[in-house]
């Protein structure tokens, strides 16, 4: 593996967000989301320029002061990197994010549309695509091209569903650029992409195939993508090598499951903030704790999880007063009607469970809607059952994070449609995310499983995650980049 690389990372959200503190001083806080954490080692070990949307009012001021150029930033280990903000027209960004990226693309890629009644692809979507998604992607492409003019040998890493057409816009202007794209969400089967009008779905696939490498978390999502390219674009697929041929180019399609930093979670789990939260939790928890940690996203399947727990309580009155489900949910995308409505459904489902079974001194379902990471890690340490029943998930890092620090030989109940199942399914209790009766049975099986079997399963998950950590994920992608450069005859 070569040493330091010149890399351009491109994502909607960046590694820091600027704000003003109470005294009026500008401060930079770490950006939200797992992507920032995942790419930390890239920033710390390579010569990185990160291009991202200006998310806050102060980000926009920073961008204006820099006249649109990149500004110097410092990584956690003190390593320097460059950050370039892209300032978007507010209306364009709203159409891009709140109409096309979320919910349209997100819902397609997580199979969330009930096609009998939704969506209606009206003029509003066509307008949001042409006047929002494409212009915002073009702004990102302009910034990438400007940075490639400064560092022609740099490789470009695009990330996720926000930037599907940007690679082609770059390729048209810089034909010899080395481009890679990581898709962090599932890739649905070809037929589901036909929700989108032909020009839009073709643009999505052509945009991705402008890269030299396209990567997904699992072989399943990679297979769906290859089939989708074959169906939508009628291109040649080389199945043995997992590559797409067309327009005189070859695109490598890879499965690279993302992971976490075990050492970081060891440190966080032992921190005073987490230990204080754990003491509070341990003091009030019942004999058995069923945990879920999620965003309030329809893809996370929270309502069915609550229904499964209700079925479990109905079937096992001997567990009343002895078990509790703790649901720690981070509110997500509440500006989008579908998400706001789903949050309401979550709250109603929780109320149904508690109205049926609650008695003095026992709340069967403790629903907390807030962003409290120390509390989540404390709960990771304390769970007896971890319920991850996502409808579909690109990966689901909770399934990897929580077992790392668990102290109670906790059992993972895992959806077969979560990307993590491809790696961890052997040691989890597998559930169909639509089968609430099956999920109730899995909760019972987990709570009654013998201690030595619980420990065997947990130890296997922990061993796998420690061996296949975030550093390995980064190294695999750098190796893919080296392979792409060799195909193109470009210097490493």
Protein backbone atom coordinates (compact mmCIF):
# COMPACT_ATOMS: atom_id res chain seq x y z
CA UNK A 1 0.00 0.00 0.00
CA UNK A 2 1.38 3.40 -1.00
CA UNK A 3 1.92 6.17 1.55
CA UNK A 4 0.16 9.50 1.76
CA UNK A 5 -2.37 10.17 -0.99
CA UNK A 6 -3.79 13.34 -2.42
CA UNK A 7 -7.54 12.87 -2.00
CA UNK A 8 -10.66 14.95 -2.56
CA UNK A 9 -13.58 13.79 -0.40
CA UNK A 10 -17.03 14.97 -1.51
CA UNK A 11 -20.16 14.64 0.66
CA UNK A 12 -23.27 16.63 1.42
CA UNK A 13 -22.36 17.06 5.09
CA UNK A 14 -18.86 17.99 6.09
CA UNK A 15 -16.57 17.18 9.01
CA UNK A 16 -17.30 20.41 10.89
CA UNK A 17 -20.11 22.94 11.22
CA UNK A 18 -19.36 26.52 12.23
CA UNK A 19 -21.46 28.42 14.75
CA UNK A 20 -21.22 31.37 17.11
CA UNK A 21 -20.96 30.66 20.84
CA UNK A 22 -22.58 32.67 23.63
CA UNK A 23 -19.74 35.22 23.55
CA UNK A 24 -20.06 35.70 19.80
CA UNK A 25 -16.88 33.80 18.97
CA UNK A 26 -16.84 31.48 16.00
CA UNK A 27 -16.57 27.80 16.94
CA UNK A 28 -16.34 24.67 14.81
CA UNK A 29 -18.12 21.58 16.10
CA UNK A 30 -17.82 18.15 14.61
CA UNK A 31 -20.37 17.45 11.90
CA UNK A 32 -23.10 14.88 12.51
CA UNK A 33 -23.44 11.43 11.03
CA UNK A 34 -21.31 8.32 10.81
CA UNK A 35 -19.59 9.40 7.61
CA UNK A 36 -17.45 11.95 9.46
CA UNK A 37 -16.25 9.27 11.88
CA UNK A 38 -15.70 6.74 9.12
CA UNK A 39 -13.46 9.04 7.11
CA UNK A 40 -11.45 10.35 10.05
CA UNK A 41 -8.43 8.17 9.30
CA UNK A 42 -8.35 9.45 5.72
CA UNK A 43 -8.17 13.01 7.00
CA UNK A 44 -5.55 12.13 9.61
CA UNK A 45 -3.23 10.11 7.37
CA UNK A 46 -3.54 11.62 3.86
CA UNK A 47 -3.52 14.98 2.10
CA UNK A 48 -7.25 15.59 2.02
CA UNK A 49 -9.43 18.34 0.67
CA UNK A 50 -13.02 17.85 1.84
CA UNK A 51 -15.83 19.44 -0.21
CA UNK A 52 -19.20 19.75 1.53
CA UNK A 53 -22.34 21.85 1.68
CA UNK A 54 -22.34 24.95 3.86
CA UNK A 55 -24.92 23.73 6.38
CA UNK A 56 -25.11 26.64 8.84
CA UNK A 57 -25.36 30.39 8.45
CA UNK A 58 -21.83 30.65 9.83
CA UNK A 59 -20.56 28.09 7.30
CA UNK A 60 -21.81 30.42 4.59
CA UNK A 61 -20.00 33.35 6.18
CA UNK A 62 -16.81 31.25 6.29
CA UNK A 63 -17.23 30.40 2.61
CA UNK A 64 -17.80 34.04 1.69
CA UNK A 65 -14.71 35.14 3.62
CA UNK A 66 -12.69 32.52 1.75
CA UNK A 67 -14.16 33.67 -1.59
CA UNK A 68 -15.29 30.11 -2.24
CA UNK A 69 -11.81 28.66 -1.76
CA UNK A 70 -10.84 25.95 0.73
CA UNK A 71 -9.90 26.90 4.30
CA UNK A 72 -7.33 25.17 6.53
CA UNK A 73 -8.71 22.85 9.22
CA UNK A 74 -7.14 20.50 11.75
CA UNK A 75 -8.06 16.88 12.37
CA UNK A 76 -8.41 15.34 15.82
CA UNK A 77 -4.79 14.16 15.79
CA UNK A 78 -3.56 17.59 14.71
CA UNK A 79 -3.13 16.71 11.05
CA UNK A 80 -3.98 19.54 8.65
CA UNK A 81 -6.57 19.24 5.91
CA UNK A 82 -8.48 21.61 3.66
CA UNK A 83 -12.24 22.21 3.81
CA UNK A 84 -14.14 23.76 0.93
CA UNK A 85 -17.75 24.76 1.49
CA UNK A 86 -20.23 24.86 -1.37
CA UNK A 87 -22.93 27.48 -0.83
CA UNK A 88 -26.26 26.58 -2.45
CA UNK A 89 -29.27 28.62 -3.37
CA UNK A 90 -31.78 27.87 -0.55
CA UNK A 91 -34.60 26.93 -2.92
CA UNK A 92 -32.36 24.66 -4.98
CA UNK A 93 -31.09 22.96 -1.85
CA UNK A 94 -34.62 22.44 -0.53
CA UNK A 95 -35.68 20.75 -3.80
CA UNK A 96 -32.45 18.74 -3.86
CA UNK A 97 -32.64 17.50 -0.28
CA UNK A 98 -36.29 17.52 0.78
CA UNK A 99 -37.89 16.43 -2.50
CA UNK A 100 -35.38 14.32 -4.45
CA UNK A 101 -32.71 12.95 -2.09
CA UNK A 102 -35.16 12.60 0.78
CA UNK A 103 -37.69 11.14 0.43
CA UNK A 104 -37.62 10.04 -3.23
CA UNK A 105 -34.18 8.41 -3.58
CA UNK A 106 -34.06 7.31 0.07
CA UNK A 107 -37.50 5.71 -0.18
CA UNK A 108 -36.63 3.94 -3.45
CA UNK A 109 -33.40 2.55 -2.04
CA UNK A 110 -35.08 1.32 1.16
CA UNK A 111 -38.25 -0.01 -0.55
CA UNK A 112 -40.43 2.41 1.42
CA UNK A 113 -42.95 3.44 -1.24
CA UNK A 114 -46.35 1.71 -1.11
CA UNK A 115 -46.71 1.67 -4.89
CA UNK A 116 -50.48 1.32 -4.98
CA UNK A 117 -50.92 4.86 -3.66
CA UNK A 118 -47.49 6.52 -3.67
CA UNK A 119 -45.48 8.22 -4.96
CA UNK A 120 -47.10 10.48 -7.53
CA UNK A 121 -44.31 11.57 -9.86
CA UNK A 122 -45.78 14.92 -10.75
CA UNK A 123 -44.33 18.08 -12.21
CA UNK A 124 -43.03 18.97 -8.76
CA UNK A 125 -40.54 16.09 -8.82
CA UNK A 126 -39.41 16.87 -12.35
CA UNK A 127 -38.91 20.48 -11.31
CA UNK A 128 -37.05 19.50 -8.12
CA UNK A 129 -34.76 17.25 -10.16
CA UNK A 130 -33.90 19.76 -12.89
CA UNK A 131 -33.91 22.88 -10.71
CA UNK A 132 -32.61 21.38 -7.46
CA UNK A 133 -30.81 18.04 -7.54
CA UNK A 134 -28.93 18.64 -10.79
CA UNK A 135 -27.87 22.25 -10.01
CA UNK A 136 -26.63 21.29 -6.53
CA UNK A 137 -24.68 18.38 -8.02
CA UNK A 138 -23.31 20.78 -10.62
CA UNK A 139 -22.10 23.10 -7.87
CA UNK A 140 -20.29 20.19 -6.25
CA UNK A 141 -18.80 19.23 -9.61
CA UNK A 142 -17.58 22.81 -10.15
CA UNK A 143 -15.79 22.68 -6.80
CA UNK A 144 -14.24 19.29 -7.61
CA UNK A 145 -12.99 20.50 -10.99
CA UNK A 146 -11.46 23.58 -9.37
CA UNK A 147 -9.62 21.39 -6.86
CA UNK A 148 -8.45 19.03 -9.61
CA UNK A 149 -6.99 22.02 -11.43
CA UNK A 150 -5.01 22.71 -8.25
CA UNK A 151 -4.05 19.03 -7.66
CA UNK A 152 -4.45 17.12 -10.96
CA UNK A 153 -3.12 13.89 -9.45
CA UNK A 154 -5.67 13.80 -6.63
CA UNK A 155 -8.30 11.04 -6.58
CA UNK A 156 -11.92 11.96 -5.86
CA UNK A 157 -14.14 10.07 -3.37
CA UNK A 158 -17.85 10.84 -3.76
CA UNK A 159 -20.22 9.67 -1.05
CA UNK A 160 -23.81 8.53 -1.10
CA UNK A 161 -27.12 9.21 -2.81
CA UNK A 162 -26.87 12.99 -2.64
CA UNK A 163 -24.29 13.08 -5.44
CA UNK A 164 -25.32 10.60 -8.11
CA UNK A 165 -24.93 12.90 -11.12
CA UNK A 166 -21.85 14.83 -9.98
CA UNK A 167 -19.30 12.21 -11.19
CA UNK A 168 -20.50 12.46 -14.80
CA UNK A 169 -20.38 16.25 -14.64
CA UNK A 170 -16.76 15.99 -13.49
CA UNK A 171 -15.88 13.29 -16.04
CA UNK A 172 -17.16 15.45 -18.91
CA UNK A 173 -14.70 18.21 -17.94
CA UNK A 174 -11.78 16.14 -16.62
CA UNK A 175 -11.83 12.89 -18.65
CA UNK A 176 -8.70 11.44 -17.01
CA UNK A 177 -9.75 12.06 -13.40
CA UNK A 178 -9.69 9.08 -11.00
CA UNK A 179 -13.16 8.92 -9.44
CA UNK A 180 -14.66 6.59 -6.83
CA UNK A 181 -18.13 6.58 -5.26
CA UNK A 182 -19.27 4.86 -2.09
CA UNK A 183 -23.02 4.27 -1.73
CA UNK A 184 -23.87 3.93 1.96
CA UNK A 185 -27.50 2.86 1.48
CA UNK A 186 -28.99 -0.32 -0.05
CA UNK A 187 -29.39 -0.63 -3.79
CA UNK A 188 -32.87 -1.80 -4.66
CA UNK A 189 -33.74 -4.31 -7.39
CA UNK A 190 -34.06 -3.07 -10.99
CA UNK A 191 -37.86 -3.08 -11.07
CA UNK A 192 -38.08 -0.70 -8.13
CA UNK A 193 -36.00 1.91 -9.95
CA UNK A 194 -38.85 2.15 -12.46
CA UNK A 195 -40.63 4.35 -9.94
CA UNK A 196 -38.46 7.08 -11.47
CA UNK A 197 -39.11 8.39 -14.99
CA UNK A 198 -36.69 7.00 -17.55
CA UNK A 199 -34.54 10.17 -17.97
CA UNK A 200 -34.01 10.45 -14.20
CA UNK A 201 -33.24 6.80 -13.53
CA UNK A 202 -30.84 6.77 -16.50
CA UNK A 203 -29.11 9.87 -15.17
CA UNK A 204 -28.64 8.21 -11.76
CA UNK A 205 -27.04 5.10 -13.27
CA UNK A 206 -24.97 7.00 -15.85
CA UNK A 207 -23.73 9.32 -13.13
CA UNK A 208 -22.48 6.45 -11.02
CA UNK A 209 -20.89 4.70 -14.01
CA UNK A 210 -18.81 7.80 -14.68
CA UNK A 211 -16.69 6.64 -11.71
CA UNK A 212 -13.82 4.19 -11.94
CA UNK A 213 -14.92 2.38 -8.77
CA UNK A 214 -18.43 2.13 -7.26
CA UNK A 215 -18.68 0.47 -3.84
CA UNK A 216 -21.42 -0.84 -1.59
CA UNK A 217 -21.52 -2.42 1.86
CA UNK A 218 -22.60 -5.90 0.75
CA UNK A 219 -22.45 -8.35 -2.10
CA UNK A 220 -26.25 -8.20 -2.18
CA UNK A 221 -26.35 -4.46 -2.92
CA UNK A 222 -23.53 -4.87 -5.45
CA UNK A 223 -25.47 -7.61 -7.25
CA UNK A 224 -28.60 -5.45 -7.37
CA UNK A 225 -26.61 -2.55 -8.80
CA UNK A 226 -25.09 -4.65 -11.56
CA UNK A 227 -28.50 -6.03 -12.48
CA UNK A 228 -29.94 -2.53 -12.39
CA UNK A 229 -27.26 -1.19 -14.74
CA UNK A 230 -27.96 -4.06 -17.10
CA UNK A 231 -31.69 -3.40 -17.00
CA UNK A 232 -31.76 0.41 -17.09
CA UNK A 233 -28.83 1.09 -19.43
CA UNK A 234 -28.45 -2.23 -21.28
CA UNK A 235 -24.69 -2.20 -20.63
CA UNK A 236 -22.37 -5.20 -20.61
CA UNK A 237 -21.80 -6.78 -17.18
CA UNK A 238 -18.69 -8.84 -16.50
CA UNK A 239 -20.09 -10.93 -13.66
CA UNK A 240 -16.90 -12.82 -12.70
CA UNK A 241 -14.99 -9.55 -12.17
CA UNK A 242 -18.03 -7.55 -10.94
CA UNK A 243 -17.48 -4.79 -13.44
CA UNK A 244 -19.47 -2.81 -16.00
CA UNK A 245 -18.23 -2.11 -19.52
CA UNK A 246 -19.46 0.75 -21.68
CA UNK A 247 -18.38 3.93 -23.44
CA UNK A 248 -14.87 2.49 -23.76
CA UNK A 249 -14.48 2.32 -19.98
CA UNK A 250 -14.56 -0.34 -17.29
CA UNK A 251 -16.10 0.38 -13.88
CA UNK A 252 -15.18 -1.87 -10.95
CA UNK A 253 -18.07 -2.54 -8.56
CA UNK A 254 -16.98 -3.61 -5.09
CA UNK A 255 -18.49 -4.81 -1.80
CA UNK A 256 -16.71 -3.10 1.11
CA UNK A 257 -18.58 -3.39 4.43
CA UNK A 258 -18.03 -0.35 6.62
CA UNK A 259 -17.09 -0.84 10.25
CA UNK A 260 -16.24 1.07 13.42
CA UNK A 261 -13.17 1.95 15.49
CA UNK A 262 -13.15 -0.53 18.41
CA UNK A 263 -10.51 1.41 20.34
CA UNK A 264 -12.66 4.53 20.18
CA UNK A 265 -15.66 2.68 21.58
CA UNK A 266 -13.54 1.15 24.34
CA UNK A 267 -12.50 4.67 25.31
CA UNK A 268 -16.01 6.11 25.09
CA UNK A 269 -17.50 3.24 27.12
CA UNK A 270 -15.09 3.97 29.98
CA UNK A 271 -15.65 7.74 29.92
CA UNK A 272 -17.19 9.53 32.94
CA UNK A 273 -20.20 10.67 30.90
CA UNK A 274 -21.06 7.11 29.86
CA UNK A 275 -20.39 5.66 33.31
CA UNK A 276 -22.74 8.23 34.85
CA UNK A 277 -25.47 7.33 32.35
CA UNK A 278 -24.88 3.63 32.95
CA UNK A 279 -25.20 4.02 36.73
CA UNK A 280 -28.52 5.79 36.25
CA UNK A 281 -29.74 3.08 33.85
CA UNK A 282 -28.57 0.19 36.03
CA UNK A 283 -30.32 1.65 39.07
CA UNK A 284 -33.76 1.58 37.45
CA UNK A 285 -33.62 -1.22 34.90
CA UNK A 286 -35.65 -4.39 35.45
CA UNK A 287 -34.27 -7.90 35.28
CA UNK A 288 -34.19 -7.99 31.46
CA UNK A 289 -33.55 -5.11 29.05
CA UNK A 290 -34.51 -5.13 25.37
CA UNK A 291 -32.80 -2.24 23.59
CA UNK A 292 -33.19 -0.46 20.30
CA UNK A 293 -31.13 2.59 19.25
CA UNK A 294 -32.28 4.18 16.00
CA UNK A 295 -33.24 7.30 14.15
CA UNK A 296 -36.96 7.97 13.75
CA UNK A 297 -36.70 6.95 10.11
CA UNK A 298 -39.41 4.80 8.47
CA UNK A 299 -36.67 2.44 7.24
CA UNK A 300 -35.79 1.54 10.83
CA UNK A 301 -39.14 -0.25 11.32
CA UNK A 302 -39.68 1.02 14.85
CA UNK A 303 -43.47 0.66 14.82
CA UNK A 304 -43.33 -3.03 13.89
CA UNK A 305 -40.68 -3.53 16.56
CA UNK A 306 -43.05 -2.10 19.17
CA UNK A 307 -45.85 -4.29 17.84
CA UNK A 308 -43.59 -7.37 18.14
CA UNK A 309 -42.79 -6.45 21.73
CA UNK A 310 -46.50 -6.06 22.44
CA UNK A 311 -47.14 -9.57 21.04
CA UNK A 312 -44.31 -10.90 23.21
CA UNK A 313 -45.78 -9.35 26.37
CA UNK A 314 -49.21 -10.70 25.50
CA UNK A 315 -47.81 -14.23 25.14
CA UNK A 316 -45.62 -14.12 28.26
CA UNK A 317 -47.43 -12.65 31.25
CA UNK A 318 -44.79 -14.23 33.49
CA UNK A 319 -42.38 -11.54 32.21
CA UNK A 320 -44.56 -8.60 33.20
CA UNK A 321 -42.61 -6.42 35.58
CA UNK A 322 -39.37 -8.27 34.74
CA UNK A 323 -38.62 -6.88 31.27
CA UNK A 324 -38.51 -3.48 29.63
CA UNK A 325 -37.88 -2.25 26.12
CA UNK A 326 -35.73 0.88 26.07
CA UNK A 327 -36.07 2.76 22.77
CA UNK A 328 -33.51 5.53 22.32
CA UNK A 329 -34.49 7.34 19.13
CA UNK A 330 -32.81 10.28 17.48
CA UNK A 331 -35.35 12.52 15.70
CA UNK A 332 -34.67 12.48 11.97
CA UNK A 333 -35.62 14.80 9.07
CA UNK A 334 -38.68 16.29 10.71
CA UNK A 335 -38.99 18.89 7.93
CA UNK A 336 -40.11 16.07 5.62
CA UNK A 337 -43.82 15.17 6.07
CA UNK A 338 -43.30 11.41 5.82
CA UNK A 339 -40.80 11.49 8.67
CA UNK A 340 -42.91 13.74 10.88
CA UNK A 341 -45.89 11.43 10.34
CA UNK A 342 -43.78 8.38 11.20
CA UNK A 343 -42.63 9.94 14.45
CA UNK A 344 -46.28 10.34 15.38
CA UNK A 345 -46.89 6.67 14.55
CA UNK A 346 -43.97 5.68 16.79
CA UNK A 347 -45.38 7.64 19.70
CA UNK A 348 -48.85 6.15 19.22
CA UNK A 349 -47.44 2.60 19.05
CA UNK A 350 -45.51 3.12 22.28
CA UNK A 351 -48.62 4.48 23.98
CA UNK A 352 -50.58 1.39 22.88
CA UNK A 353 -48.07 -0.93 24.55
CA UNK A 354 -47.95 1.05 27.77
CA UNK A 355 -51.72 1.52 27.95
CA UNK A 356 -52.20 -2.25 27.69
CA UNK A 357 -49.54 -3.45 30.10
CA UNK A 358 -48.26 -0.66 32.35
CA UNK A 359 -48.81 -1.07 36.04
CA UNK A 360 -47.59 0.76 39.09
CA UNK A 361 -43.81 0.58 39.27
CA UNK A 362 -43.37 -0.87 35.77
CA UNK A 363 -43.27 0.91 32.42
CA UNK A 364 -42.92 -1.83 29.78
CA UNK A 365 -41.71 0.50 27.01
CA UNK A 366 -39.49 3.47 27.79
CA UNK A 367 -39.45 5.68 24.68
CA UNK A 368 -36.93 8.53 24.67
CA UNK A 369 -36.65 10.79 21.65
CA UNK A 370 -33.43 12.76 21.88
CA UNK A 371 -29.83 12.80 20.70
CA UNK A 372 -27.81 11.54 23.68
CA UNK A 373 -24.80 9.51 22.57
CA UNK A 374 -23.39 8.81 26.07
CA UNK A 375 -26.78 7.41 27.07
CA UNK A 376 -26.83 5.20 23.96
CA UNK A 377 -23.37 3.78 24.71
CA UNK A 378 -24.39 3.17 28.33
CA UNK A 379 -27.40 1.24 27.05
CA UNK A 380 -25.10 -0.69 24.70
CA UNK A 381 -23.27 -1.92 27.80
CA UNK A 382 -26.48 -2.97 29.55
CA UNK A 383 -28.70 -4.68 26.97
CA UNK A 384 -29.77 -8.31 27.19
CA UNK A 385 -31.38 -8.18 23.74
CA UNK A 386 -30.56 -5.72 20.97
CA UNK A 387 -33.37 -5.43 18.43
CA UNK A 388 -32.32 -4.31 14.94
CA UNK A 389 -35.32 -5.02 12.72
CA UNK A 390 -34.77 -2.53 9.89
CA UNK A 391 -36.91 -2.87 6.78
CA UNK A 392 -33.70 -2.36 4.78
CA UNK A 393 -30.37 -0.86 5.85
CA UNK A 394 -27.17 -0.26 3.94
CA UNK A 395 -25.22 -1.57 6.93
CA UNK A 396 -26.55 -0.58 10.41
CA UNK A 397 -23.58 0.23 12.61
CA UNK A 398 -25.56 -0.14 15.84
CA UNK A 399 -25.36 -3.90 15.23
CA UNK A 400 -21.56 -3.60 15.30
CA UNK A 401 -21.12 -0.89 17.93
CA UNK A 402 -23.30 -2.24 20.72
CA UNK A 403 -21.85 -5.77 21.04
CA UNK A 404 -18.33 -4.30 21.30
CA UNK A 405 -19.00 -2.80 24.73
CA UNK A 406 -21.80 -5.03 26.04
CA UNK A 407 -21.18 -6.51 29.50
CA UNK A 408 -24.19 -8.85 29.82
CA UNK A 409 -23.69 -11.43 27.03
CA UNK A 410 -26.39 -9.63 25.08
CA UNK A 411 -28.06 -11.26 22.07
CA UNK A 412 -28.40 -9.49 18.71
CA UNK A 413 -31.78 -9.91 16.98
CA UNK A 414 -31.05 -8.79 13.42
CA UNK A 415 -33.12 -8.15 10.31
CA UNK A 416 -32.14 -10.25 7.33
CA UNK A 417 -32.41 -7.05 5.26
CA UNK A 418 -29.80 -5.10 7.22
CA UNK A 419 -26.43 -4.99 5.50
CA UNK A 420 -24.79 -6.11 8.74
CA UNK A 421 -26.55 -9.46 8.41
CA UNK A 422 -24.18 -10.53 5.64
CA UNK A 423 -21.34 -10.43 8.19
CA UNK A 424 -23.04 -11.07 11.53
CA UNK A 425 -26.05 -13.22 10.67
CA UNK A 426 -24.28 -16.44 11.71
CA UNK A 427 -24.20 -15.24 15.33
CA UNK A 428 -27.44 -13.27 15.51
CA UNK A 429 -31.05 -14.36 15.74
CA UNK A 430 -32.31 -13.61 12.24
CA UNK A 431 -35.75 -12.06 11.76
CA UNK A 432 -37.89 -11.07 8.81
CA UNK A 433 -38.61 -7.35 9.38
CA UNK A 434 -42.26 -7.73 8.35
CA UNK A 435 -42.94 -10.78 10.52
CA UNK A 436 -43.91 -9.27 13.88
CA UNK A 437 -44.86 -12.69 15.26
CA UNK A 438 -41.41 -13.98 14.35
CA UNK A 439 -39.78 -10.99 16.01
CA UNK A 440 -41.77 -11.63 19.19
CA UNK A 441 -40.56 -15.23 19.15
CA UNK A 442 -36.96 -14.06 18.62
CA UNK A 443 -37.20 -11.75 21.65
CA UNK A 444 -38.38 -14.71 23.75
CA UNK A 445 -35.65 -16.99 22.36
CA UNK A 446 -32.98 -14.39 23.12
CA UNK A 447 -34.20 -13.84 26.69
CA UNK A 448 -34.33 -17.56 27.45
CA UNK A 449 -31.09 -18.55 25.69
CA UNK A 450 -28.47 -20.34 27.80
CA UNK A 451 -25.69 -18.14 29.14
CA UNK A 452 -22.89 -20.02 27.41
CA UNK A 453 -24.64 -19.76 24.02
CA UNK A 454 -25.27 -16.06 24.54
CA UNK A 455 -21.60 -15.55 25.35
CA UNK A 456 -20.43 -17.62 22.37
CA UNK A 457 -22.48 -15.52 19.96
CA UNK A 458 -21.45 -12.19 21.45
CA UNK A 459 -17.76 -13.11 21.53
CA UNK A 460 -17.90 -14.12 17.87
CA UNK A 461 -19.47 -10.80 16.85
CA UNK A 462 -16.95 -8.83 18.89
CA UNK A 463 -14.05 -10.81 17.43
CA UNK A 464 -15.27 -10.21 13.89
CA UNK A 465 -15.76 -6.46 14.38
CA UNK A 466 -12.37 -6.03 16.03
CA UNK A 467 -10.67 -7.89 13.19
CA UNK A 468 -12.60 -6.06 10.45
CA UNK A 469 -12.44 -2.49 11.72
CA UNK A 470 -12.78 0.91 10.08
CA UNK A 471 -9.08 0.91 9.21
CA UNK A 472 -9.58 -2.18 7.10
CA UNK A 473 -12.49 -0.53 5.30
CA UNK A 474 -10.30 2.43 4.38
CA UNK A 475 -7.39 0.22 3.28
CA UNK A 476 -9.65 -1.85 1.04
CA UNK A 477 -10.85 1.24 -0.76
CA UNK A 478 -7.34 2.60 -1.19
CA UNK A 479 -6.40 -0.76 -2.71
CA UNK A 480 -9.35 -0.44 -5.10
CA UNK A 481 -8.09 3.02 -5.98
CA UNK A 482 -4.62 1.65 -6.73
CA UNK A 483 -6.20 -0.97 -8.98
CA UNK A 484 -8.16 1.72 -10.81
CA UNK A 485 -5.05 3.82 -11.29
CA UNK A 486 -3.21 0.81 -12.69
CA UNK A 487 -6.02 0.18 -15.18
CA UNK A 488 -5.85 3.79 -16.28
CA UNK A 489 -2.05 3.91 -16.33
CA UNK A 490 -2.09 6.81 -13.84
CA UNK A 491 0.67 7.26 -11.22
CA UNK A 492 -0.22 6.06 -7.69
